N, C-alpha and C. Protein backbone atom coordinates (compact mmCIF):
# COMPACT_ATOMS: atom_id res chain seq x y z
N UNK A 1 0.83 -1.20 0.00
CA UNK A 1 0.00 0.00 0.00
C UNK A 1 0.87 1.25 0.00
N UNK A 2 1.85 1.28 0.89
CA UNK A 2 2.72 2.45 0.97
C UNK A 2 3.52 2.67 -0.32
N UNK A 3 3.88 1.57 -0.97
CA UNK A 3 4.64 1.68 -2.22
C UNK A 3 3.80 2.37 -3.29
N UNK A 4 2.53 2.01 -3.37
CA UNK A 4 1.63 2.63 -4.35
C UNK A 4 1.48 4.12 -4.04
N UNK A 5 1.30 4.41 -2.78
CA UNK A 5 1.15 5.80 -2.34
C UNK A 5 2.41 6.60 -2.70
N UNK A 6 3.55 5.98 -2.49
CA UNK A 6 4.84 6.62 -2.79
C UNK A 6 4.97 6.90 -4.28
N UNK A 7 4.59 5.91 -5.09
CA UNK A 7 4.66 6.07 -6.55
C UNK A 7 3.74 7.19 -7.02
N UNK A 8 2.55 7.26 -6.43
CA UNK A 8 1.59 8.30 -6.81
C UNK A 8 2.14 9.69 -6.51
N UNK A 9 2.69 9.86 -5.31
CA UNK A 9 3.23 11.17 -4.94
C UNK A 9 4.44 11.51 -5.80
N UNK A 10 5.21 10.49 -6.14
CA UNK A 10 6.37 10.70 -7.00
C UNK A 10 5.93 11.19 -8.38
N UNK A 11 4.83 10.59 -8.87
CA UNK A 11 4.30 10.98 -10.18
C UNK A 11 3.85 12.43 -10.19
N UNK A 12 3.09 12.83 -9.16
CA UNK A 12 2.60 14.20 -9.10
C UNK A 12 3.77 15.17 -8.95
N UNK A 13 4.79 14.76 -8.20
CA UNK A 13 5.96 15.60 -8.01
C UNK A 13 6.67 15.84 -9.34
N UNK A 14 6.83 14.78 -10.12
CA UNK A 14 7.50 14.92 -11.43
C UNK A 14 6.69 15.82 -12.35
N UNK A 15 5.37 15.68 -12.30
CA UNK A 15 4.52 16.51 -13.15
C UNK A 15 4.68 17.98 -12.77
N UNK A 16 4.73 18.26 -11.49
CA UNK A 16 4.90 19.65 -11.03
C UNK A 16 6.25 20.19 -11.47
N UNK A 17 7.28 19.36 -11.37
CA UNK A 17 8.61 19.79 -11.79
C UNK A 17 8.64 20.08 -13.28
N UNK A 18 7.98 19.23 -14.08
CA UNK A 18 7.94 19.43 -15.52
C UNK A 18 7.23 20.73 -15.86
N UNK A 19 6.15 21.03 -15.14
CA UNK A 19 5.42 22.27 -15.37
C UNK A 19 6.32 23.47 -15.07
N UNK A 20 7.07 23.39 -13.98
CA UNK A 20 7.98 24.48 -13.62
C UNK A 20 9.04 24.66 -14.70
N UNK A 21 9.57 23.55 -15.22
CA UNK A 21 10.58 23.64 -16.27
C UNK A 21 10.00 24.30 -17.51
N UNK A 22 8.75 23.96 -17.86
CA UNK A 22 8.11 24.56 -19.02
C UNK A 22 7.98 26.07 -18.84
N UNK A 23 7.55 26.48 -17.66
CA UNK A 23 7.42 27.91 -17.37
C UNK A 23 8.79 28.59 -17.46
N UNK A 24 9.79 27.93 -16.91
CA UNK A 24 11.14 28.48 -16.92
C UNK A 24 11.66 28.63 -18.34
N UNK A 25 11.45 27.60 -19.18
CA UNK A 25 11.89 27.66 -20.58
C UNK A 25 11.18 28.78 -21.32
N UNK A 26 9.88 28.90 -21.08
CA UNK A 26 9.09 29.94 -21.74
C UNK A 26 9.62 31.32 -21.34
N UNK A 27 9.95 31.48 -20.08
CA UNK A 27 10.46 32.76 -19.59
C UNK A 27 11.81 33.07 -20.23
N UNK A 28 12.68 32.07 -20.34
CA UNK A 28 13.99 32.28 -20.96
C UNK A 28 13.82 32.67 -22.42
N UNK A 29 12.91 32.00 -23.11
CA UNK A 29 12.65 32.29 -24.51
C UNK A 29 12.17 33.74 -24.66
N UNK A 30 11.28 34.13 -23.75
CA UNK A 30 10.73 35.49 -23.77
C UNK A 30 11.84 36.52 -23.56
N UNK A 31 12.73 36.26 -22.61
CA UNK A 31 13.83 37.19 -22.33
C UNK A 31 14.78 37.27 -23.52
N UNK A 32 15.06 36.13 -24.15
CA UNK A 32 15.94 36.12 -25.31
C UNK A 32 15.35 36.93 -26.45
N UNK A 33 14.05 36.79 -26.66
CA UNK A 33 13.38 37.54 -27.73
C UNK A 33 13.45 39.03 -27.46
N UNK A 34 13.31 39.40 -26.20
CA UNK A 34 13.29 40.82 -25.83
C UNK A 34 14.67 41.46 -26.00
N UNK A 35 15.72 40.66 -25.84
CA UNK A 35 17.07 41.21 -25.91
C UNK A 35 17.49 41.51 -27.35
N UNK A 36 16.86 40.88 -28.33
CA UNK A 36 17.23 41.07 -29.73
C UNK A 36 16.96 42.49 -30.20
């Protein structure tokens, strides 16, 4: 039971991290465009 719970929380954690990375990439892209 605990293993399943652990896997679930791990999955949500990875999804949150991926979302943050997407936001970060978008922000970098935006800054690069503005500097041109």
